[in-house]
N, C-alpha and C. Protein backbone atom coordinates (compact mmCIF):
# COMPACT_ATOMS: atom_id res chain seq x y z
N UNK A 1 53.23 48.01 -46.04
CA UNK A 1 54.19 48.76 -45.26
C UNK A 1 55.13 49.55 -46.16
N UNK A 2 55.62 48.90 -47.23
CA UNK A 2 56.55 49.59 -48.12
C UNK A 2 55.88 50.75 -48.82
N UNK A 3 54.60 50.59 -49.21
CA UNK A 3 53.91 51.69 -49.90
C UNK A 3 53.71 52.87 -48.96
N UNK A 4 53.44 52.61 -47.69
CA UNK A 4 53.31 53.69 -46.72
C UNK A 4 54.64 54.42 -46.54
N UNK A 5 55.74 53.65 -46.60
CA UNK A 5 57.06 54.24 -46.45
C UNK A 5 57.35 55.22 -47.60
N UNK A 6 56.97 54.86 -48.83
CA UNK A 6 57.20 55.74 -49.97
C UNK A 6 56.30 56.96 -49.94
N UNK A 7 55.07 56.83 -49.47
CA UNK A 7 54.16 57.97 -49.46
C UNK A 7 54.63 59.06 -48.50
N UNK A 8 55.47 58.72 -47.54
CA UNK A 8 55.96 59.70 -46.59
C UNK A 8 57.24 60.39 -47.08
N UNK A 9 57.86 59.86 -48.12
CA UNK A 9 59.12 60.42 -48.63
C UNK A 9 58.85 61.60 -49.55
N UNK A 10 59.75 62.59 -49.54
CA UNK A 10 59.68 63.62 -50.57
C UNK A 10 60.03 62.99 -51.92
N UNK A 11 59.46 63.54 -52.98
CA UNK A 11 59.65 62.99 -54.32
C UNK A 11 60.35 64.04 -55.18
N UNK A 12 61.59 63.75 -55.58
CA UNK A 12 62.35 64.66 -56.45
C UNK A 12 62.27 64.16 -57.89
N UNK A 13 61.93 65.07 -58.77
CA UNK A 13 61.88 64.80 -60.20
C UNK A 13 63.14 65.42 -60.80
N UNK A 14 64.07 64.58 -61.26
CA UNK A 14 65.38 65.04 -61.73
C UNK A 14 65.41 65.10 -63.26
N UNK A 15 65.75 66.28 -63.79
CA UNK A 15 65.74 66.50 -65.23
C UNK A 15 67.07 67.09 -65.69
N UNK A 16 67.94 66.27 -66.30
CA UNK A 16 69.20 66.80 -66.81
C UNK A 16 69.04 67.39 -68.20
N UNK A 17 69.97 68.26 -68.59
CA UNK A 17 70.06 68.68 -69.98
C UNK A 17 70.48 67.45 -70.78
N UNK A 18 69.94 67.24 -71.99
CA UNK A 18 70.23 66.00 -72.72
C UNK A 18 71.62 65.93 -73.34
N UNK A 19 72.64 65.92 -72.51
CA UNK A 19 74.03 65.75 -72.94
C UNK A 19 74.73 64.89 -71.89
N UNK A 20 75.71 64.12 -72.32
CA UNK A 20 76.31 63.10 -71.47
C UNK A 20 76.82 63.63 -70.13
N UNK A 21 77.58 64.70 -70.13
CA UNK A 21 78.14 65.18 -68.87
C UNK A 21 77.06 65.70 -67.93
N UNK A 22 76.04 66.32 -68.48
CA UNK A 22 74.93 66.83 -67.66
C UNK A 22 74.13 65.67 -67.06
N UNK A 23 73.92 64.63 -67.85
CA UNK A 23 73.20 63.45 -67.36
C UNK A 23 74.00 62.78 -66.24
N UNK A 24 75.31 62.64 -66.43
CA UNK A 24 76.16 62.03 -65.41
C UNK A 24 76.14 62.79 -64.10
N UNK A 25 76.23 64.12 -64.19
CA UNK A 25 76.22 64.94 -62.97
C UNK A 25 74.87 64.83 -62.26
N UNK A 26 73.78 64.88 -63.03
CA UNK A 26 72.44 64.80 -62.42
C UNK A 26 72.20 63.42 -61.83
N UNK A 27 72.69 62.38 -62.49
CA UNK A 27 72.52 61.03 -61.96
C UNK A 27 73.26 60.86 -60.64
N UNK A 28 74.45 61.44 -60.52
CA UNK A 28 75.18 61.38 -59.25
C UNK A 28 74.41 62.10 -58.15
N UNK A 29 73.86 63.27 -58.47
CA UNK A 29 73.06 63.99 -57.48
C UNK A 29 71.81 63.20 -57.11
N UNK A 30 71.16 62.60 -58.09
CA UNK A 30 69.95 61.82 -57.83
C UNK A 30 70.26 60.64 -56.90
N UNK A 31 71.38 59.98 -57.12
CA UNK A 31 71.77 58.87 -56.24
C UNK A 31 72.01 59.34 -54.82
N UNK A 32 72.64 60.50 -54.67
CA UNK A 32 72.87 61.05 -53.33
C UNK A 32 71.55 61.40 -52.64
N UNK A 33 70.65 62.01 -53.39
CA UNK A 33 69.34 62.35 -52.82
C UNK A 33 68.57 61.10 -52.43
N UNK A 34 68.68 60.06 -53.25
CA UNK A 34 68.00 58.80 -52.94
C UNK A 34 68.56 58.19 -51.66
N UNK A 35 69.87 58.24 -51.51
CA UNK A 35 70.49 57.71 -50.28
C UNK A 35 70.03 58.48 -49.04
N UNK A 36 69.69 59.75 -49.22
CA UNK A 36 69.22 60.57 -48.11
C UNK A 36 67.72 60.39 -47.86
N UNK A 37 67.08 59.51 -48.64
CA UNK A 37 65.69 59.17 -48.34
C UNK A 37 64.65 59.73 -49.29
N UNK A 38 65.03 60.36 -50.38
CA UNK A 38 64.04 60.89 -51.31
C UNK A 38 63.65 59.84 -52.34
N UNK A 39 62.40 59.86 -52.74
CA UNK A 39 61.94 59.06 -53.86
C UNK A 39 62.39 59.81 -55.11
N UNK A 40 63.00 59.12 -56.09
CA UNK A 40 63.58 59.77 -57.26
C UNK A 40 62.90 59.28 -58.53
N UNK A 41 62.49 60.23 -59.37
CA UNK A 41 62.10 59.95 -60.74
C UNK A 41 63.09 60.69 -61.62
N UNK A 42 63.87 59.95 -62.39
CA UNK A 42 64.91 60.51 -63.25
C UNK A 42 64.37 60.57 -64.67
N UNK A 43 64.34 61.76 -65.25
CA UNK A 43 63.76 61.98 -66.57
C UNK A 43 64.88 62.02 -67.61
N UNK A 44 64.74 61.19 -68.62
CA UNK A 44 65.67 61.16 -69.74
C UNK A 44 64.90 61.42 -71.03
N UNK A 45 65.60 61.90 -72.06
CA UNK A 45 64.97 61.94 -73.37
C UNK A 45 64.96 60.52 -73.92
N UNK A 46 64.07 60.27 -74.87
CA UNK A 46 63.98 58.93 -75.44
C UNK A 46 65.31 58.51 -76.06
N UNK A 47 65.97 59.42 -76.77
CA UNK A 47 67.26 59.14 -77.41
C UNK A 47 68.30 58.72 -76.37
N UNK A 48 68.46 59.52 -75.33
CA UNK A 48 69.48 59.21 -74.31
C UNK A 48 69.12 57.99 -73.49
N UNK A 49 67.84 57.74 -73.30
CA UNK A 49 67.43 56.55 -72.56
C UNK A 49 67.79 55.28 -73.34
N UNK A 50 67.59 55.31 -74.66
CA UNK A 50 68.00 54.16 -75.49
C UNK A 50 69.50 53.93 -75.37
N UNK A 51 70.27 55.01 -75.39
CA UNK A 51 71.73 54.89 -75.26
C UNK A 51 72.11 54.32 -73.90
N UNK A 52 71.43 54.75 -72.86
CA UNK A 52 71.69 54.25 -71.51
C UNK A 52 71.42 52.75 -71.43
N UNK A 53 70.30 52.32 -71.99
CA UNK A 53 69.97 50.89 -71.96
C UNK A 53 70.96 50.06 -72.77
N UNK A 54 71.44 50.61 -73.89
CA UNK A 54 72.44 49.89 -74.67
C UNK A 54 73.75 49.79 -73.91
N UNK A 55 74.12 50.83 -73.21
CA UNK A 55 75.39 50.84 -72.47
C UNK A 55 75.32 49.95 -71.23
N UNK A 56 74.20 49.99 -70.52
CA UNK A 56 74.08 49.27 -69.24
C UNK A 56 73.46 47.89 -69.38
N UNK A 57 72.83 47.62 -70.51
CA UNK A 57 72.19 46.33 -70.72
C UNK A 57 70.70 46.40 -70.46
N UNK A 58 69.94 45.50 -71.07
CA UNK A 58 68.47 45.56 -70.98
C UNK A 58 67.92 45.31 -69.58
N UNK A 59 68.70 44.67 -68.72
CA UNK A 59 68.22 44.38 -67.36
C UNK A 59 68.56 45.48 -66.36
N UNK A 60 69.15 46.56 -66.85
CA UNK A 60 69.56 47.67 -65.98
C UNK A 60 68.40 48.18 -65.13
N UNK A 61 67.24 48.36 -65.74
CA UNK A 61 66.09 48.91 -65.01
C UNK A 61 65.53 47.94 -63.98
N UNK A 62 65.79 46.65 -64.15
CA UNK A 62 65.30 45.66 -63.19
C UNK A 62 66.08 45.69 -61.88
N UNK A 63 67.30 46.23 -61.94
CA UNK A 63 68.17 46.21 -60.76
C UNK A 63 68.15 47.52 -59.98
N UNK A 64 67.22 48.40 -60.28
CA UNK A 64 67.16 49.69 -59.58
C UNK A 64 66.66 49.49 -58.15
N UNK A 65 67.16 50.29 -57.23
CA UNK A 65 66.66 50.19 -55.85
C UNK A 65 65.21 50.70 -55.76
N UNK A 66 64.51 50.26 -54.74
CA UNK A 66 63.14 50.72 -54.53
C UNK A 66 63.14 52.23 -54.33
N UNK A 67 62.21 52.90 -54.98
CA UNK A 67 62.10 54.34 -54.83
C UNK A 67 62.96 55.12 -55.81
N UNK A 68 63.51 54.46 -56.84
CA UNK A 68 64.32 55.13 -57.87
C UNK A 68 63.84 54.60 -59.20
N UNK A 69 63.36 55.50 -60.06
CA UNK A 69 62.86 55.04 -61.36
C UNK A 69 63.27 56.00 -62.46
N UNK A 70 63.30 55.47 -63.68
CA UNK A 70 63.59 56.26 -64.87
C UNK A 70 62.31 56.39 -65.69
N UNK A 71 62.10 57.57 -66.26
CA UNK A 71 61.01 57.80 -67.21
C UNK A 71 61.59 58.58 -68.39
N UNK A 72 60.86 58.58 -69.49
CA UNK A 72 61.34 59.30 -70.67
C UNK A 72 60.31 60.31 -71.14
N UNK A 73 60.82 61.34 -71.80
CA UNK A 73 59.98 62.29 -72.52
C UNK A 73 60.60 62.46 -73.91
N UNK A 74 59.78 62.81 -74.90
CA UNK A 74 60.35 63.01 -76.24
C UNK A 74 61.20 64.26 -76.28
N UNK A 75 62.25 64.21 -77.12
CA UNK A 75 63.11 65.38 -77.27
C UNK A 75 62.76 66.18 -78.52
N UNK A 76 61.85 65.66 -79.34
CA UNK A 76 61.43 66.38 -80.52
C UNK A 76 62.40 66.32 -81.68
N UNK A 77 63.44 65.53 -81.54
CA UNK A 77 64.43 65.41 -82.61
C UNK A 77 64.14 64.17 -83.45
N UNK A 78 64.51 64.20 -84.73
CA UNK A 78 64.26 63.02 -85.56
C UNK A 78 65.06 61.82 -85.06
N UNK A 79 64.54 60.62 -85.29
CA UNK A 79 65.26 59.42 -84.86
C UNK A 79 66.64 59.35 -85.52
N UNK A 80 67.60 58.81 -84.77
CA UNK A 80 68.94 58.64 -85.31
C UNK A 80 69.52 57.36 -84.74
N UNK A 81 70.69 57.01 -85.24
CA UNK A 81 71.34 55.80 -84.75
C UNK A 81 71.65 55.95 -83.26
N UNK A 82 71.59 54.83 -82.55
CA UNK A 82 71.79 54.86 -81.10
C UNK A 82 73.17 55.38 -80.71
N UNK A 83 74.19 55.08 -81.50
CA UNK A 83 75.53 55.51 -81.16
C UNK A 83 75.91 56.83 -81.81
N UNK A 84 74.98 57.44 -82.49
CA UNK A 84 75.27 58.72 -83.14
C UNK A 84 75.40 59.82 -82.09
N UNK A 85 76.22 60.78 -82.39
CA UNK A 85 76.38 61.93 -81.51
C UNK A 85 75.48 63.05 -82.03
N UNK A 86 74.67 63.61 -81.14
CA UNK A 86 73.81 64.72 -81.54
C UNK A 86 74.65 65.99 -81.61
N UNK A 87 74.30 66.85 -82.56
CA UNK A 87 75.00 68.14 -82.59
C UNK A 87 74.56 68.97 -81.39
N UNK A 88 75.32 69.97 -81.05
CA UNK A 88 75.07 70.75 -79.84
C UNK A 88 73.87 71.68 -79.97
N UNK A 89 73.56 72.15 -81.15
CA UNK A 89 72.50 73.14 -81.31
C UNK A 89 71.12 72.50 -81.23
N UNK A 90 70.93 71.33 -81.82
CA UNK A 90 69.60 70.70 -81.85
C UNK A 90 69.01 70.46 -80.47
N UNK A 91 69.75 69.87 -79.51
CA UNK A 91 69.16 69.71 -78.18
C UNK A 91 68.82 71.05 -77.52
N UNK A 92 69.62 72.08 -77.75
CA UNK A 92 69.34 73.39 -77.17
C UNK A 92 68.02 73.93 -77.70
N UNK A 93 67.82 73.82 -78.99
CA UNK A 93 66.57 74.29 -79.58
C UNK A 93 65.39 73.44 -79.13
N UNK A 94 65.60 72.13 -79.02
CA UNK A 94 64.54 71.23 -78.58
C UNK A 94 64.11 71.53 -77.15
N UNK A 95 65.09 71.77 -76.27
CA UNK A 95 64.78 72.11 -74.88
C UNK A 95 63.90 73.36 -74.83
N UNK A 96 64.25 74.32 -75.64
CA UNK A 96 63.57 75.61 -75.63
C UNK A 96 62.17 75.52 -76.22
N UNK A 97 61.99 74.72 -77.26
CA UNK A 97 60.73 74.73 -78.01
C UNK A 97 59.83 73.54 -77.73
N UNK A 98 60.40 72.35 -77.60
CA UNK A 98 59.60 71.13 -77.62
C UNK A 98 59.35 70.51 -76.26
N UNK A 99 60.35 70.48 -75.39
CA UNK A 99 60.28 69.62 -74.20
C UNK A 99 59.40 70.14 -73.07
N UNK A 100 59.00 71.40 -73.09
CA UNK A 100 58.19 71.94 -72.00
C UNK A 100 56.86 71.25 -71.83
N UNK A 101 56.13 71.07 -72.92
CA UNK A 101 54.79 70.44 -72.83
C UNK A 101 54.87 68.99 -72.35
N UNK A 102 55.75 68.15 -72.92
CA UNK A 102 55.83 66.78 -72.40
C UNK A 102 56.25 66.71 -70.93
N UNK A 103 57.11 67.63 -70.50
CA UNK A 103 57.53 67.63 -69.11
C UNK A 103 56.37 68.01 -68.19
N UNK A 104 55.60 69.04 -68.57
CA UNK A 104 54.42 69.43 -67.78
C UNK A 104 53.43 68.27 -67.70
N UNK A 105 53.24 67.58 -68.81
CA UNK A 105 52.33 66.43 -68.83
C UNK A 105 52.83 65.33 -67.90
N UNK A 106 54.13 65.09 -67.90
CA UNK A 106 54.72 64.08 -67.02
C UNK A 106 54.48 64.44 -65.55
N UNK A 107 54.71 65.68 -65.18
CA UNK A 107 54.49 66.11 -63.79
C UNK A 107 53.03 65.88 -63.40
N UNK A 108 52.12 66.26 -64.29
CA UNK A 108 50.69 66.04 -64.03
C UNK A 108 50.36 64.57 -63.88
N UNK A 109 50.92 63.73 -64.74
CA UNK A 109 50.68 62.29 -64.66
C UNK A 109 51.21 61.70 -63.35
N UNK A 110 52.40 62.13 -62.94
CA UNK A 110 52.97 61.62 -61.69
C UNK A 110 52.12 62.04 -60.49
N UNK A 111 51.65 63.27 -60.49
CA UNK A 111 50.82 63.72 -59.38
C UNK A 111 49.45 63.06 -59.39
N UNK A 112 48.91 62.79 -60.58
CA UNK A 112 47.64 62.07 -60.67
C UNK A 112 47.81 60.64 -60.18
N UNK A 113 48.94 60.05 -60.52
CA UNK A 113 49.24 58.70 -60.03
C UNK A 113 49.33 58.69 -58.51
N UNK A 114 49.93 59.75 -57.94
CA UNK A 114 50.04 59.84 -56.48
C UNK A 114 48.66 59.91 -55.83
N UNK A 115 47.72 60.56 -56.51
CA UNK A 115 46.36 60.65 -55.97
C UNK A 115 45.63 59.32 -56.04
N UNK A 116 45.93 58.53 -57.09
CA UNK A 116 45.16 57.31 -57.30
C UNK A 116 45.82 56.05 -56.74
N UNK A 117 47.12 56.07 -56.54
CA UNK A 117 47.81 54.88 -56.05
C UNK A 117 48.32 55.15 -54.64
N UNK A 118 47.88 54.33 -53.73
CA UNK A 118 48.32 54.46 -52.35
C UNK A 118 49.81 54.19 -52.25
N UNK A 119 50.51 55.10 -51.59
CA UNK A 119 51.92 54.89 -51.36
C UNK A 119 52.84 55.54 -52.35
N UNK A 120 52.32 56.08 -53.46
CA UNK A 120 53.16 56.76 -54.44
C UNK A 120 53.17 58.24 -54.11
N UNK A 121 54.34 58.82 -53.81
CA UNK A 121 54.38 60.22 -53.38
C UNK A 121 54.21 61.20 -54.54
N UNK A 122 53.53 62.32 -54.31
CA UNK A 122 53.45 63.35 -55.34
C UNK A 122 54.81 64.05 -55.48
N UNK A 123 55.04 64.67 -56.62
CA UNK A 123 56.29 65.39 -56.85
C UNK A 123 56.36 66.56 -55.87
N UNK A 124 57.43 66.62 -55.09
CA UNK A 124 57.56 67.70 -54.11
C UNK A 124 58.64 68.70 -54.48
N UNK A 125 59.54 68.34 -55.41
CA UNK A 125 60.57 69.28 -55.86
C UNK A 125 61.05 68.84 -57.25
N UNK A 126 61.34 69.83 -58.09
CA UNK A 126 61.94 69.56 -59.39
C UNK A 126 63.41 69.96 -59.30
N UNK A 127 64.28 69.01 -59.55
CA UNK A 127 65.72 69.27 -59.57
C UNK A 127 66.13 69.18 -61.03
N UNK A 128 66.46 70.32 -61.62
CA UNK A 128 66.73 70.35 -63.05
C UNK A 128 68.07 71.00 -63.35
N UNK A 129 68.60 70.65 -64.49
CA UNK A 129 69.82 71.28 -64.97
C UNK A 129 69.54 72.76 -65.18
N UNK A 130 70.54 73.58 -64.95
CA UNK A 130 70.38 75.03 -65.10
C UNK A 130 70.02 75.46 -66.50
N UNK A 131 70.24 74.60 -67.50
CA UNK A 131 69.90 74.93 -68.87
C UNK A 131 68.50 74.45 -69.25
N UNK A 132 67.75 73.96 -68.29
CA UNK A 132 66.40 73.45 -68.56
C UNK A 132 65.31 74.40 -68.05
N UNK A 133 65.63 75.68 -67.90
CA UNK A 133 64.65 76.63 -67.36
C UNK A 133 63.42 76.74 -68.23
N UNK A 134 63.56 76.59 -69.54
CA UNK A 134 62.42 76.69 -70.44
C UNK A 134 61.44 75.55 -70.20
N UNK A 135 61.94 74.46 -69.67
CA UNK A 135 61.12 73.28 -69.41
C UNK A 135 60.55 73.30 -67.99
N UNK A 136 61.34 73.73 -67.01
CA UNK A 136 60.92 73.61 -65.62
C UNK A 136 60.03 74.75 -65.13
N UNK A 137 60.24 75.96 -65.60
CA UNK A 137 59.41 77.07 -65.13
C UNK A 137 57.92 76.84 -65.36
N UNK A 138 57.50 76.45 -66.57
CA UNK A 138 56.06 76.23 -66.77
C UNK A 138 55.48 75.16 -65.85
N UNK A 139 56.20 74.06 -65.66
CA UNK A 139 55.71 72.98 -64.79
C UNK A 139 55.65 73.44 -63.34
N UNK A 140 56.65 74.18 -62.91
CA UNK A 140 56.68 74.69 -61.55
C UNK A 140 55.51 75.62 -61.28
N UNK A 141 55.26 76.51 -62.21
CA UNK A 141 54.15 77.46 -62.04
C UNK A 141 52.80 76.75 -62.12
N UNK A 142 52.66 75.82 -63.05
CA UNK A 142 51.38 75.14 -63.24
C UNK A 142 50.98 74.32 -62.03
N UNK A 143 51.94 73.64 -61.41
CA UNK A 143 51.63 72.72 -60.31
C UNK A 143 52.07 73.23 -58.94
N UNK A 144 52.68 74.41 -58.89
CA UNK A 144 53.09 74.98 -57.61
C UNK A 144 54.19 74.17 -56.92
N UNK A 145 55.09 73.62 -57.71
CA UNK A 145 56.17 72.79 -57.18
C UNK A 145 57.46 73.60 -57.19
N UNK A 146 58.17 73.65 -56.07
CA UNK A 146 59.45 74.38 -56.07
C UNK A 146 60.48 73.66 -56.94
N UNK A 147 61.46 74.41 -57.42
CA UNK A 147 62.49 73.81 -58.24
C UNK A 147 63.86 74.29 -57.80
N UNK A 148 64.86 73.50 -58.12
CA UNK A 148 66.26 73.82 -57.88
C UNK A 148 66.98 73.56 -59.18
N UNK A 149 67.85 74.48 -59.58
CA UNK A 149 68.63 74.27 -60.80
C UNK A 149 70.07 73.93 -60.45
N UNK A 150 70.56 72.85 -61.04
CA UNK A 150 71.93 72.41 -60.88
C UNK A 150 72.73 72.90 -62.09
N UNK A 151 73.77 73.65 -61.84
CA UNK A 151 74.66 74.09 -62.91
C UNK A 151 75.91 73.23 -62.85
N UNK A 152 76.01 72.30 -63.77
CA UNK A 152 77.16 71.40 -63.80
C UNK A 152 78.17 71.94 -64.80
N UNK A 153 78.85 72.99 -64.38
CA UNK A 153 79.83 73.64 -65.24
C UNK A 153 81.01 72.70 -65.45
N UNK A 154 81.39 72.53 -66.68
CA UNK A 154 82.49 71.63 -67.01
C UNK A 154 83.82 72.20 -66.52
N UNK A 155 84.76 71.30 -66.27
CA UNK A 155 86.08 71.72 -65.82
C UNK A 155 86.75 72.63 -66.84
N UNK A 156 86.46 72.44 -68.11
CA UNK A 156 87.07 73.29 -69.14
C UNK A 156 86.62 74.74 -69.00
N UNK A 157 85.40 74.96 -68.56
CA UNK A 157 84.94 76.34 -68.33
C UNK A 157 85.72 76.97 -67.19
N UNK A 158 85.90 76.20 -66.11
CA UNK A 158 86.68 76.73 -64.99
C UNK A 158 88.12 77.00 -65.41
N UNK A 159 88.65 76.11 -66.25
CA UNK A 159 90.03 76.29 -66.71
C UNK A 159 90.15 77.54 -67.57
N UNK A 160 89.15 77.81 -68.39
CA UNK A 160 89.23 79.01 -69.23
C UNK A 160 89.21 80.27 -68.37
N UNK A 161 88.51 80.21 -67.25
CA UNK A 161 88.53 81.34 -66.33
C UNK A 161 89.90 81.49 -65.69
N UNK A 162 90.50 80.36 -65.34
CA UNK A 162 91.80 80.37 -64.68
C UNK A 162 92.90 80.89 -65.60
N UNK A 163 92.79 80.58 -66.88
CA UNK A 163 93.86 80.91 -67.81
C UNK A 163 93.45 81.96 -68.83
N UNK A 164 92.85 83.04 -68.37
CA UNK A 164 92.62 84.19 -69.24
C UNK A 164 91.22 84.37 -69.77
N UNK A 165 90.34 83.41 -69.62
CA UNK A 165 88.96 83.59 -70.08
C UNK A 165 88.22 84.46 -69.07
N UNK A 166 87.04 84.83 -69.40
CA UNK A 166 86.23 85.62 -68.47
C UNK A 166 84.83 85.04 -68.39
N UNK A 167 84.16 85.35 -67.30
CA UNK A 167 82.76 84.92 -67.15
C UNK A 167 81.94 85.48 -68.28
N UNK A 168 82.24 86.69 -68.71
CA UNK A 168 81.48 87.31 -69.78
C UNK A 168 81.54 86.46 -71.06
N UNK A 169 82.73 85.94 -71.39
CA UNK A 169 82.86 85.11 -72.58
C UNK A 169 82.03 83.83 -72.45
N UNK A 170 82.05 83.21 -71.29
CA UNK A 170 81.30 81.97 -71.09
C UNK A 170 79.80 82.25 -71.11
N UNK A 171 79.37 83.27 -70.38
CA UNK A 171 77.95 83.59 -70.32
C UNK A 171 77.44 84.01 -71.70
N UNK A 172 78.19 84.81 -72.43
CA UNK A 172 77.77 85.20 -73.76
C UNK A 172 77.68 84.00 -74.69
N UNK A 173 78.57 83.05 -74.54
CA UNK A 173 78.49 81.83 -75.34
C UNK A 173 77.19 81.08 -75.10
N UNK A 174 76.82 80.91 -73.82
CA UNK A 174 75.57 80.24 -73.49
C UNK A 174 74.38 81.08 -73.93
N UNK A 175 74.49 82.40 -73.81
CA UNK A 175 73.41 83.29 -74.21
C UNK A 175 73.06 83.10 -75.68
N UNK A 176 74.07 83.06 -76.54
CA UNK A 176 73.80 82.95 -77.97
C UNK A 176 73.23 81.59 -78.34
N UNK A 177 73.57 80.55 -77.60
CA UNK A 177 73.05 79.23 -77.91
C UNK A 177 71.63 79.06 -77.39
N UNK A 178 71.36 79.52 -76.17
CA UNK A 178 70.07 79.23 -75.54
C UNK A 178 69.05 80.37 -75.62
N UNK A 179 69.45 81.59 -75.37
CA UNK A 179 68.50 82.67 -75.19
C UNK A 179 68.32 83.54 -76.43
N UNK A 180 69.37 83.73 -77.17
CA UNK A 180 69.31 84.62 -78.32
C UNK A 180 68.16 84.31 -79.28
N UNK A 181 67.88 83.05 -79.60
CA UNK A 181 66.79 82.79 -80.54
C UNK A 181 65.42 83.26 -80.02
N UNK A 182 65.27 83.39 -78.71
CA UNK A 182 63.99 83.85 -78.17
C UNK A 182 63.88 85.37 -78.21
N UNK A 183 64.96 86.05 -77.86
CA UNK A 183 64.88 87.50 -77.72
C UNK A 183 65.17 88.25 -78.99
N UNK A 184 65.79 87.61 -79.96
CA UNK A 184 66.11 88.28 -81.22
C UNK A 184 65.34 87.61 -82.35
N UNK A 185 64.51 88.35 -83.01
CA UNK A 185 63.74 87.81 -84.11
C UNK A 185 64.54 87.94 -85.38
N UNK A 186 64.45 86.92 -86.22
CA UNK A 186 65.24 86.90 -87.45
C UNK A 186 64.50 87.56 -88.57
């Protein structure tokens, strides 16, 4: 009965940008979607997943509600200490260059599992951070799955707009970190 219940639910694959505030915002959205009846697969990088398990304890995954699971994909960064802070540029470059293929493979594996296991729903929507377009577009096109991008703009960005900053300054800042390496050859 429970497996039939899950096969009828939409399945959201949630992919945050690998930074603490982005993960927190996506996790809150994933919990809300789960409460509304969606099956949730939350994707973390291996580095951030280790940090989550250290913070929440090793039994954290045992206490998850039915229909909510965590999976990991590699971030392509060298191993580091669990409590180390990653620099801001490395995850941006990793998202752009490395994470697309493992994410596409994960989507394929989840859909193959849905075909072979009764009651496991196929991925019906990708809910990703707005900075994960390099990762989500290929998977969306390959499997024909719609996607939604969540832009979890920090309060500091809104404050800079309120007190003299401009959207142009914020957008140009993100442009140089994420897009410039693709469009400008060195």
